[in-house]
Amino acid sequence: MRIYDGSPRQDFAEVLRSIGAYLDQRGMKDVLVMEAPDGYIVQGVTRVGATTSTWSESMGQIVKETMTFLDDDIGRFMDESIARRGTGPQEQLPPPGRYEHALRVIGHYIDEQKPRDIFFFEQDGAFVVRLHNGSQAGALHALVEFTREDVEALITRGPTFRLPPRPTGPDGAASS
């Protein structure tokens, strides 16, 4: 991740998690994320203009939004995300949404691959990721698909990515 080299924000898991939290707050769907030299370009669809009243209900319109998040925006999102997770009573905090979880685990996978550049899109809960890797042999692109089931399985395994394995005793219980 060249835009964060040398800073404390060097992993895709945390960057994409914070973008995912923003997307969840905006109620976005069918997202596309592309890394740019100065941040990320994010596109998705959202519902605007939905209203309800005693006499009628309006479904609103589905519109496509394109946003550019510069490095400073990403840093702010990450700081807000860390603050939200680290303090305050849990009942006051909104629970993490689907994109926050999904983009975190996909980001973890991307971190393991160490690409120079990323691009991905989502449709109906499945993600297609394009990773750009460079080597002495030249530039290489890899495509990876995460089905909805793959993402759910990774989310379930997510806590194991954060915690070191605990030694187990002879009965399979953690030893003290």
N, C-alpha and C. Protein backbone atom coordinates (compact mmCIF):
# COMPACT_ATOMS: atom_id res chain seq x y z
N MET A 1 0.86 -1.16 0.00
CA MET A 1 0.00 0.00 0.00
C MET A 1 0.91 1.22 0.00
N ARG A 2 1.23 1.73 -1.16
CA ARG A 2 2.23 2.77 -1.25
C ARG A 2 1.84 4.08 -0.59
N ILE A 3 0.56 4.42 -0.54
CA ILE A 3 0.19 5.72 0.01
C ILE A 3 0.33 5.77 1.52
N TYR A 4 0.49 4.63 2.17
CA TYR A 4 0.64 4.62 3.62
C TYR A 4 2.00 4.10 4.05
N ASP A 5 2.93 3.89 3.11
CA ASP A 5 4.25 3.42 3.49
C ASP A 5 4.87 4.38 4.49
N GLY A 6 5.45 3.82 5.56
CA GLY A 6 6.12 4.63 6.55
C GLY A 6 5.20 5.27 7.58
N SER A 7 3.93 5.04 7.49
CA SER A 7 2.99 5.60 8.46
C SER A 7 2.39 4.46 9.27
N PRO A 8 1.68 4.79 10.35
CA PRO A 8 1.06 3.71 11.12
C PRO A 8 -0.12 3.06 10.39
N ARG A 9 -0.53 3.60 9.25
CA ARG A 9 -1.68 3.08 8.52
C ARG A 9 -1.19 2.28 7.32
N GLN A 10 -0.64 1.12 7.58
CA GLN A 10 -0.02 0.36 6.51
C GLN A 10 -0.79 -0.87 6.09
N ASP A 11 -1.96 -1.12 6.64
CA ASP A 11 -2.63 -2.35 6.22
C ASP A 11 -3.99 -2.08 5.60
N PHE A 12 -4.28 -2.88 4.59
CA PHE A 12 -5.55 -2.77 3.89
C PHE A 12 -6.72 -3.13 4.79
N ALA A 13 -6.51 -4.08 5.71
CA ALA A 13 -7.62 -4.52 6.57
C ALA A 13 -8.21 -3.34 7.33
N GLU A 14 -7.37 -2.51 7.92
CA GLU A 14 -7.89 -1.38 8.71
C GLU A 14 -8.42 -0.27 7.82
N VAL A 15 -7.74 0.00 6.72
CA VAL A 15 -8.20 1.04 5.79
C VAL A 15 -9.56 0.66 5.21
N LEU A 16 -9.68 -0.56 4.71
CA LEU A 16 -10.95 -0.98 4.09
C LEU A 16 -12.05 -1.13 5.13
N ARG A 17 -11.70 -1.54 6.34
CA ARG A 17 -12.70 -1.61 7.41
C ARG A 17 -13.31 -0.23 7.66
N SER A 18 -12.45 0.80 7.70
CA SER A 18 -12.96 2.14 7.98
C SER A 18 -13.80 2.66 6.81
N ILE A 19 -13.42 2.34 5.59
CA ILE A 19 -14.25 2.70 4.43
C ILE A 19 -15.58 1.95 4.51
N GLY A 20 -15.53 0.68 4.88
CA GLY A 20 -16.75 -0.12 5.02
C GLY A 20 -17.70 0.46 6.05
N ALA A 21 -17.16 0.96 7.17
CA ALA A 21 -18.02 1.58 8.19
C ALA A 21 -18.71 2.81 7.61
N TYR A 22 -17.99 3.59 6.82
CA TYR A 22 -18.58 4.77 6.19
C TYR A 22 -19.70 4.35 5.22
N LEU A 23 -19.45 3.32 4.43
CA LEU A 23 -20.46 2.84 3.48
C LEU A 23 -21.70 2.34 4.21
N ASP A 24 -21.50 1.65 5.32
CA ASP A 24 -22.64 1.18 6.12
C ASP A 24 -23.47 2.35 6.63
N GLN A 25 -22.79 3.40 7.11
CA GLN A 25 -23.50 4.58 7.61
C GLN A 25 -24.32 5.25 6.51
N ARG A 26 -23.82 5.21 5.28
CA ARG A 26 -24.50 5.84 4.14
C ARG A 26 -25.56 4.93 3.52
N GLY A 27 -25.61 3.67 3.94
CA GLY A 27 -26.58 2.74 3.38
C GLY A 27 -26.30 2.38 1.93
N MET A 28 -25.04 2.33 1.56
CA MET A 28 -24.66 2.06 0.18
C MET A 28 -24.69 0.56 -0.12
N LYS A 29 -24.87 0.25 -1.38
CA LYS A 29 -24.89 -1.14 -1.87
C LYS A 29 -24.09 -1.21 -3.17
N ASP A 30 -23.78 -2.44 -3.58
CA ASP A 30 -23.10 -2.69 -4.86
C ASP A 30 -21.92 -1.73 -5.06
N VAL A 31 -20.93 -1.85 -4.21
CA VAL A 31 -19.83 -0.89 -4.20
C VAL A 31 -18.69 -1.30 -5.13
N LEU A 32 -17.93 -0.31 -5.51
CA LEU A 32 -16.71 -0.46 -6.29
C LEU A 32 -15.65 0.37 -5.58
N VAL A 33 -14.47 -0.18 -5.36
CA VAL A 33 -13.39 0.53 -4.69
C VAL A 33 -12.14 0.42 -5.54
N MET A 34 -11.50 1.57 -5.78
CA MET A 34 -10.28 1.60 -6.58
C MET A 34 -9.25 2.45 -5.86
N GLU A 35 -8.05 1.91 -5.70
CA GLU A 35 -6.97 2.68 -5.10
C GLU A 35 -6.46 3.68 -6.12
N ALA A 36 -6.23 4.91 -5.67
CA ALA A 36 -5.71 5.98 -6.52
C ALA A 36 -4.41 6.49 -5.88
N PRO A 37 -3.62 7.28 -6.61
CA PRO A 37 -2.36 7.75 -6.03
C PRO A 37 -2.52 8.54 -4.73
N ASP A 38 -3.65 9.22 -4.56
CA ASP A 38 -3.82 10.06 -3.38
C ASP A 38 -4.93 9.58 -2.45
N GLY A 39 -5.40 8.34 -2.61
CA GLY A 39 -6.46 7.83 -1.75
C GLY A 39 -7.24 6.73 -2.43
N TYR A 40 -8.57 6.82 -2.36
CA TYR A 40 -9.45 5.80 -2.93
C TYR A 40 -10.63 6.46 -3.62
N ILE A 41 -11.06 5.84 -4.70
CA ILE A 41 -12.30 6.23 -5.37
C ILE A 41 -13.31 5.14 -5.04
N VAL A 42 -14.45 5.54 -4.53
CA VAL A 42 -15.48 4.60 -4.10
C VAL A 42 -16.78 4.97 -4.79
N GLN A 43 -17.43 3.96 -5.33
CA GLN A 43 -18.71 4.18 -6.01
C GLN A 43 -19.71 3.16 -5.48
N GLY A 44 -20.94 3.58 -5.34
CA GLY A 44 -21.98 2.67 -4.89
C GLY A 44 -23.35 3.27 -5.14
N VAL A 45 -24.37 2.48 -4.91
CA VAL A 45 -25.73 2.98 -5.07
C VAL A 45 -26.37 3.12 -3.70
N THR A 46 -27.24 4.11 -3.60
CA THR A 46 -27.94 4.37 -2.35
C THR A 46 -29.34 4.89 -2.66
N ARG A 47 -30.20 4.81 -1.70
CA ARG A 47 -31.57 5.30 -1.86
C ARG A 47 -31.65 6.71 -1.28
N VAL A 48 -32.21 7.64 -2.05
CA VAL A 48 -32.41 9.01 -1.57
C VAL A 48 -33.87 9.39 -1.75
N GLY A 49 -34.32 10.28 -0.90
CA GLY A 49 -35.67 10.82 -1.03
C GLY A 49 -36.77 9.93 -0.52
N ALA A 50 -36.45 8.88 0.23
CA ALA A 50 -37.50 8.02 0.77
C ALA A 50 -38.19 8.75 1.92
N THR A 51 -39.51 8.77 1.91
CA THR A 51 -40.27 9.43 2.98
C THR A 51 -41.48 8.59 3.35
N THR A 52 -41.94 8.79 4.55
CA THR A 52 -43.20 8.18 4.97
C THR A 52 -44.00 9.24 5.72
N SER A 53 -45.29 9.19 5.53
CA SER A 53 -46.19 10.09 6.24
C SER A 53 -47.48 9.33 6.51
N THR A 54 -48.40 9.99 7.15
CA THR A 54 -49.68 9.37 7.46
C THR A 54 -50.43 8.98 6.19
N TRP A 55 -50.26 9.77 5.14
CA TRP A 55 -51.06 9.59 3.92
C TRP A 55 -50.37 8.81 2.82
N SER A 56 -49.04 8.80 2.81
CA SER A 56 -48.37 8.12 1.70
C SER A 56 -46.97 7.69 2.10
N GLU A 57 -46.40 6.90 1.23
CA GLU A 57 -45.04 6.43 1.44
C GLU A 57 -44.32 6.53 0.11
N SER A 58 -43.13 7.12 0.12
CA SER A 58 -42.33 7.25 -1.09
C SER A 58 -41.10 6.35 -0.95
N MET A 59 -40.85 5.54 -1.95
CA MET A 59 -39.70 4.63 -1.93
C MET A 59 -38.40 5.37 -2.23
N GLY A 60 -38.50 6.58 -2.75
CA GLY A 60 -37.30 7.32 -3.11
C GLY A 60 -36.72 6.82 -4.42
N GLN A 61 -35.51 7.26 -4.68
CA GLN A 61 -34.82 6.87 -5.91
C GLN A 61 -33.49 6.22 -5.57
N ILE A 62 -33.09 5.31 -6.41
CA ILE A 62 -31.77 4.70 -6.29
C ILE A 62 -30.84 5.54 -7.16
N VAL A 63 -29.76 6.04 -6.55
CA VAL A 63 -28.80 6.85 -7.28
C VAL A 63 -27.40 6.29 -7.07
N LYS A 64 -26.56 6.48 -8.08
CA LYS A 64 -25.16 6.08 -7.99
C LYS A 64 -24.37 7.28 -7.48
N GLU A 65 -23.54 7.04 -6.48
CA GLU A 65 -22.68 8.09 -5.94
C GLU A 65 -21.23 7.68 -6.13
N THR A 66 -20.41 8.65 -6.49
CA THR A 66 -18.97 8.44 -6.62
C THR A 66 -18.28 9.40 -5.67
N MET A 67 -17.42 8.85 -4.83
CA MET A 67 -16.72 9.66 -3.83
C MET A 67 -15.22 9.41 -3.95
N THR A 68 -14.45 10.44 -3.68
CA THR A 68 -13.01 10.32 -3.60
C THR A 68 -12.60 10.56 -2.16
N PHE A 69 -11.91 9.60 -1.59
CA PHE A 69 -11.42 9.73 -0.22
C PHE A 69 -9.91 9.92 -0.29
N LEU A 70 -9.46 11.10 0.10
CA LEU A 70 -8.04 11.39 0.11
C LEU A 70 -7.41 10.79 1.36
N ASP A 71 -6.09 10.80 1.40
CA ASP A 71 -5.37 10.22 2.54
C ASP A 71 -5.86 10.78 3.87
N ASP A 72 -6.10 12.09 3.93
CA ASP A 72 -6.57 12.70 5.18
C ASP A 72 -7.94 12.17 5.58
N ASP A 73 -8.83 11.95 4.60
CA ASP A 73 -10.15 11.39 4.89
C ASP A 73 -10.01 9.98 5.47
N ILE A 74 -9.16 9.18 4.85
CA ILE A 74 -8.95 7.80 5.31
C ILE A 74 -8.41 7.82 6.74
N GLY A 75 -7.44 8.70 7.00
CA GLY A 75 -6.90 8.81 8.35
C GLY A 75 -7.97 9.18 9.36
N ARG A 76 -8.84 10.11 9.00
CA ARG A 76 -9.93 10.51 9.90
C ARG A 76 -10.89 9.35 10.14
N PHE A 77 -11.26 8.64 9.06
CA PHE A 77 -12.15 7.47 9.20
C PHE A 77 -11.55 6.44 10.14
N MET A 78 -10.24 6.19 9.97
CA MET A 78 -9.58 5.19 10.80
C MET A 78 -9.53 5.62 12.26
N ASP A 79 -9.22 6.90 12.49
CA ASP A 79 -9.18 7.40 13.86
C ASP A 79 -10.56 7.31 14.51
N GLU A 80 -11.61 7.66 13.76
CA GLU A 80 -12.97 7.56 14.29
C GLU A 80 -13.34 6.11 14.58
N SER A 81 -12.93 5.22 13.69
CA SER A 81 -13.24 3.80 13.87
C SER A 81 -12.56 3.24 15.11
N ILE A 82 -11.30 3.59 15.29
CA ILE A 82 -10.56 3.10 16.46
C ILE A 82 -11.17 3.68 17.74
N ALA A 83 -11.51 4.95 17.73
CA ALA A 83 -12.13 5.58 18.90
C ALA A 83 -13.48 4.93 19.22
N ARG A 84 -14.24 4.61 18.18
CA ARG A 84 -15.56 4.01 18.36
C ARG A 84 -15.43 2.61 18.97
N ARG A 85 -14.40 1.89 18.59
CA ARG A 85 -14.23 0.53 19.11
C ARG A 85 -13.61 0.51 20.49
N GLY A 86 -12.84 1.53 20.83
CA GLY A 86 -12.06 1.45 22.05
C GLY A 86 -12.67 2.05 23.29
N THR A 87 -13.68 2.89 23.17
CA THR A 87 -14.22 3.56 24.35
C THR A 87 -15.74 3.59 24.30
N GLY A 88 -16.30 3.91 25.44
CA GLY A 88 -17.75 4.12 25.51
C GLY A 88 -18.50 2.84 25.74
N PRO A 89 -19.68 2.98 26.33
CA PRO A 89 -20.52 1.80 26.54
C PRO A 89 -20.96 1.21 25.21
N GLN A 90 -20.89 -0.09 25.11
CA GLN A 90 -21.20 -0.77 23.86
C GLN A 90 -22.64 -0.57 23.41
N GLU A 91 -23.59 -0.40 24.36
CA GLU A 91 -24.98 -0.26 23.95
C GLU A 91 -25.24 1.06 23.22
N GLN A 92 -24.35 2.05 23.36
CA GLN A 92 -24.52 3.32 22.68
C GLN A 92 -23.97 3.29 21.25
N LEU A 93 -23.14 2.33 20.96
CA LEU A 93 -22.50 2.27 19.66
C LEU A 93 -23.34 1.45 18.69
N PRO A 94 -23.46 1.93 17.44
CA PRO A 94 -24.16 1.09 16.47
C PRO A 94 -23.31 -0.14 16.16
N PRO A 95 -23.93 -1.28 15.95
CA PRO A 95 -23.13 -2.47 15.64
C PRO A 95 -22.46 -2.33 14.28
N PRO A 96 -21.30 -2.95 14.10
CA PRO A 96 -20.65 -2.89 12.80
C PRO A 96 -21.57 -3.47 11.73
N GLY A 97 -21.54 -2.86 10.56
CA GLY A 97 -22.39 -3.32 9.46
C GLY A 97 -21.69 -4.33 8.58
N ARG A 98 -22.40 -4.76 7.57
CA ARG A 98 -21.89 -5.79 6.68
C ARG A 98 -20.60 -5.37 5.97
N TYR A 99 -20.57 -4.15 5.44
CA TYR A 99 -19.36 -3.73 4.71
C TYR A 99 -18.17 -3.59 5.64
N GLU A 100 -18.38 -3.10 6.85
CA GLU A 100 -17.26 -2.98 7.78
C GLU A 100 -16.62 -4.35 8.02
N HIS A 101 -17.44 -5.37 8.25
CA HIS A 101 -16.91 -6.73 8.45
C HIS A 101 -16.31 -7.29 7.16
N ALA A 102 -17.05 -7.20 6.06
CA ALA A 102 -16.60 -7.82 4.81
C ALA A 102 -15.31 -7.19 4.30
N LEU A 103 -15.23 -5.87 4.31
CA LEU A 103 -14.02 -5.22 3.79
C LEU A 103 -12.82 -5.46 4.70
N ARG A 104 -13.05 -5.63 5.99
CA ARG A 104 -11.94 -5.95 6.91
C ARG A 104 -11.32 -7.30 6.54
N VAL A 105 -12.14 -8.32 6.36
CA VAL A 105 -11.57 -9.65 6.08
C VAL A 105 -11.00 -9.74 4.67
N ILE A 106 -11.61 -9.04 3.73
CA ILE A 106 -11.02 -8.99 2.38
C ILE A 106 -9.70 -8.23 2.43
N GLY A 107 -9.66 -7.15 3.21
CA GLY A 107 -8.42 -6.41 3.40
C GLY A 107 -7.33 -7.26 4.02
N HIS A 108 -7.71 -8.13 4.95
CA HIS A 108 -6.74 -9.05 5.55
C HIS A 108 -6.14 -9.96 4.47
N TYR A 109 -6.99 -10.49 3.61
CA TYR A 109 -6.50 -11.33 2.51
C TYR A 109 -5.55 -10.52 1.61
N ILE A 110 -5.96 -9.30 1.28
CA ILE A 110 -5.13 -8.45 0.41
C ILE A 110 -3.78 -8.18 1.07
N ASP A 111 -3.77 -7.92 2.39
CA ASP A 111 -2.51 -7.69 3.10
C ASP A 111 -1.56 -8.87 2.94
N GLU A 112 -2.09 -10.08 2.98
CA GLU A 112 -1.25 -11.27 2.83
C GLU A 112 -0.62 -11.35 1.44
N GLN A 113 -1.28 -10.78 0.43
CA GLN A 113 -0.78 -10.85 -0.94
C GLN A 113 0.24 -9.75 -1.25
N LYS A 114 0.24 -8.67 -0.48
CA LYS A 114 1.16 -7.54 -0.64
C LYS A 114 1.15 -6.94 -2.06
N PRO A 115 -0.02 -6.54 -2.55
CA PRO A 115 -0.08 -5.96 -3.89
C PRO A 115 0.38 -4.51 -3.90
N ARG A 116 0.67 -4.01 -5.09
CA ARG A 116 0.99 -2.60 -5.25
C ARG A 116 -0.27 -1.76 -5.42
N ASP A 117 -1.32 -2.37 -5.92
CA ASP A 117 -2.53 -1.62 -6.24
C ASP A 117 -3.72 -2.57 -6.16
N ILE A 118 -4.90 -2.02 -5.78
CA ILE A 118 -6.09 -2.86 -5.69
C ILE A 118 -7.28 -2.21 -6.38
N PHE A 119 -8.19 -3.06 -6.78
CA PHE A 119 -9.47 -2.64 -7.35
C PHE A 119 -10.43 -3.78 -7.04
N PHE A 120 -11.65 -3.46 -6.59
CA PHE A 120 -12.63 -4.52 -6.42
C PHE A 120 -14.03 -3.96 -6.53
N PHE A 121 -14.95 -4.86 -6.83
CA PHE A 121 -16.36 -4.48 -6.85
C PHE A 121 -17.17 -5.58 -6.19
N GLU A 122 -18.37 -5.20 -5.75
CA GLU A 122 -19.26 -6.10 -5.05
C GLU A 122 -20.61 -6.08 -5.73
N GLN A 123 -21.21 -7.25 -5.80
CA GLN A 123 -22.57 -7.35 -6.31
C GLN A 123 -23.25 -8.50 -5.59
N ASP A 124 -24.38 -8.20 -4.99
CA ASP A 124 -25.17 -9.20 -4.26
C ASP A 124 -24.35 -9.96 -3.22
N GLY A 125 -23.44 -9.26 -2.55
CA GLY A 125 -22.67 -9.87 -1.47
C GLY A 125 -21.41 -10.59 -1.90
N ALA A 126 -21.17 -10.74 -3.20
CA ALA A 126 -19.95 -11.38 -3.69
C ALA A 126 -18.98 -10.28 -4.16
N PHE A 127 -17.69 -10.53 -4.03
CA PHE A 127 -16.68 -9.54 -4.38
C PHE A 127 -15.73 -10.13 -5.42
N VAL A 128 -15.34 -9.32 -6.39
CA VAL A 128 -14.28 -9.67 -7.33
C VAL A 128 -13.16 -8.66 -7.09
N VAL A 129 -11.96 -9.18 -6.80
CA VAL A 129 -10.82 -8.35 -6.43
C VAL A 129 -9.75 -8.51 -7.50
N ARG A 130 -9.20 -7.38 -7.95
CA ARG A 130 -8.05 -7.41 -8.86
C ARG A 130 -6.86 -6.85 -8.10
N LEU A 131 -5.82 -7.64 -8.01
CA LEU A 131 -4.60 -7.23 -7.34
C LEU A 131 -3.52 -7.02 -8.38
N HIS A 132 -2.79 -5.92 -8.26
CA HIS A 132 -1.69 -5.63 -9.17
C HIS A 132 -0.39 -5.82 -8.40
N ASN A 133 0.40 -6.78 -8.83
CA ASN A 133 1.68 -7.06 -8.21
C ASN A 133 2.78 -6.78 -9.21
N GLY A 134 3.87 -6.28 -8.73
CA GLY A 134 5.02 -6.04 -9.59
C GLY A 134 6.20 -6.84 -9.12
N SER A 135 6.99 -7.29 -10.06
CA SER A 135 8.21 -8.02 -9.72
C SER A 135 9.23 -7.74 -10.80
N GLN A 136 10.40 -8.36 -10.69
CA GLN A 136 11.42 -8.19 -11.71
C GLN A 136 10.96 -8.73 -13.05
N ALA A 137 10.02 -9.66 -13.02
CA ALA A 137 9.49 -10.24 -14.26
C ALA A 137 8.47 -9.33 -14.93
N GLY A 138 8.03 -8.30 -14.22
CA GLY A 138 7.04 -7.38 -14.78
C GLY A 138 5.80 -7.29 -13.92
N ALA A 139 4.82 -6.60 -14.45
CA ALA A 139 3.56 -6.40 -13.72
C ALA A 139 2.66 -7.62 -13.91
N LEU A 140 2.04 -8.03 -12.82
CA LEU A 140 1.13 -9.16 -12.85
C LEU A 140 -0.19 -8.76 -12.21
N HIS A 141 -1.27 -9.16 -12.82
CA HIS A 141 -2.60 -8.93 -12.25
C HIS A 141 -3.18 -10.28 -11.85
N ALA A 142 -3.81 -10.30 -10.70
CA ALA A 142 -4.48 -11.52 -10.24
C ALA A 142 -5.93 -11.17 -9.92
N LEU A 143 -6.84 -12.03 -10.34
CA LEU A 143 -8.25 -11.87 -10.01
C LEU A 143 -8.64 -12.91 -8.98
N VAL A 144 -9.37 -12.47 -7.96
CA VAL A 144 -9.83 -13.36 -6.90
C VAL A 144 -11.31 -13.08 -6.68
N GLU A 145 -12.09 -14.14 -6.56
CA GLU A 145 -13.52 -13.98 -6.29
C GLU A 145 -13.83 -14.48 -4.89
N PHE A 146 -14.61 -13.70 -4.17
CA PHE A 146 -15.12 -14.09 -2.86
C PHE A 146 -16.63 -14.17 -2.99
N THR A 147 -17.18 -15.37 -2.89
CA THR A 147 -18.63 -15.51 -2.92
C THR A 147 -19.20 -14.99 -1.60
N ARG A 148 -20.50 -14.82 -1.55
CA ARG A 148 -21.15 -14.40 -0.30
C ARG A 148 -20.79 -15.38 0.82
N GLU A 149 -20.78 -16.68 0.50
CA GLU A 149 -20.46 -17.70 1.50
C GLU A 149 -19.00 -17.59 1.95
N ASP A 150 -18.09 -17.30 1.01
CA ASP A 150 -16.68 -17.11 1.37
C ASP A 150 -16.53 -15.96 2.36
N VAL A 151 -17.20 -14.86 2.07
CA VAL A 151 -17.11 -13.68 2.93
C VAL A 151 -17.65 -13.99 4.31
N GLU A 152 -18.80 -14.67 4.37
CA GLU A 152 -19.38 -15.02 5.67
C GLU A 152 -18.44 -15.93 6.46
N ALA A 153 -17.81 -16.89 5.78
CA ALA A 153 -16.86 -17.78 6.47
C ALA A 153 -15.66 -17.01 6.99
N LEU A 154 -15.15 -16.07 6.20
CA LEU A 154 -14.02 -15.25 6.65
C LEU A 154 -14.40 -14.36 7.83
N ILE A 155 -15.60 -13.81 7.79
CA ILE A 155 -16.07 -12.98 8.91
C ILE A 155 -16.14 -13.82 10.18
N THR A 156 -16.64 -15.04 10.06
CA THR A 156 -16.74 -15.93 11.22
C THR A 156 -15.35 -16.23 11.78
N ARG A 157 -14.37 -16.41 10.90
CA ARG A 157 -12.99 -16.69 11.32
C ARG A 157 -12.23 -15.43 11.70
N GLY A 158 -12.81 -14.26 11.48
CA GLY A 158 -12.14 -12.99 11.70
C GLY A 158 -11.43 -12.84 13.04
N PRO A 159 -12.07 -13.19 14.16
CA PRO A 159 -11.38 -13.04 15.44
C PRO A 159 -10.09 -13.85 15.54
N THR A 160 -9.98 -14.95 14.82
CA THR A 160 -8.75 -15.74 14.87
C THR A 160 -7.59 -15.01 14.19
N PHE A 161 -7.90 -14.05 13.31
CA PHE A 161 -6.84 -13.28 12.67
C PHE A 161 -6.21 -12.30 13.66
N ARG A 162 -6.98 -11.89 14.67
CA ARG A 162 -6.52 -10.87 15.61
C ARG A 162 -5.85 -11.44 16.84
N LEU A 163 -6.27 -12.62 17.27
CA LEU A 163 -5.77 -13.19 18.52
C LEU A 163 -4.75 -14.28 18.25
N PRO A 164 -3.62 -14.26 19.00
CA PRO A 164 -2.68 -15.37 18.82
C PRO A 164 -3.30 -16.65 19.35
N PRO A 165 -2.98 -17.79 18.75
CA PRO A 165 -3.55 -19.06 19.23
C PRO A 165 -3.13 -19.32 20.66
N ARG A 166 -4.07 -19.81 21.45
CA ARG A 166 -3.78 -20.15 22.84
C ARG A 166 -3.42 -21.62 22.93
N PRO A 167 -2.40 -21.94 23.75
CA PRO A 167 -2.05 -23.36 23.91
C PRO A 167 -3.20 -24.10 24.59
N THR A 168 -3.38 -25.33 24.19
CA THR A 168 -4.44 -26.13 24.79
C THR A 168 -3.84 -27.23 25.64
N GLY A 169 -4.59 -27.61 26.66
CA GLY A 169 -4.17 -28.69 27.55
C GLY A 169 -4.53 -30.03 26.96
N PRO A 170 -4.32 -31.11 27.71
CA PRO A 170 -4.58 -32.46 27.21
C PRO A 170 -6.05 -32.71 26.88
N ASP A 171 -6.97 -32.00 27.53
CA ASP A 171 -8.39 -32.21 27.27
C ASP A 171 -8.94 -31.24 26.23
N GLY A 172 -8.07 -30.47 25.58
CA GLY A 172 -8.52 -29.51 24.59
C GLY A 172 -8.90 -28.17 25.18
N ALA A 173 -8.89 -28.04 26.49
CA ALA A 173 -9.21 -26.76 27.13
C ALA A 173 -7.95 -25.93 27.21
N ALA A 174 -8.12 -24.65 27.22
CA ALA A 174 -6.97 -23.76 27.32
C ALA A 174 -6.28 -23.99 28.66
N SER A 175 -4.96 -24.10 28.61
CA SER A 175 -4.22 -24.28 29.86
C SER A 175 -3.97 -22.93 30.50
N SER A 176 -3.91 -22.91 31.81
CA SER A 176 -3.71 -21.65 32.53
C SER A 176 -2.29 -21.51 32.98
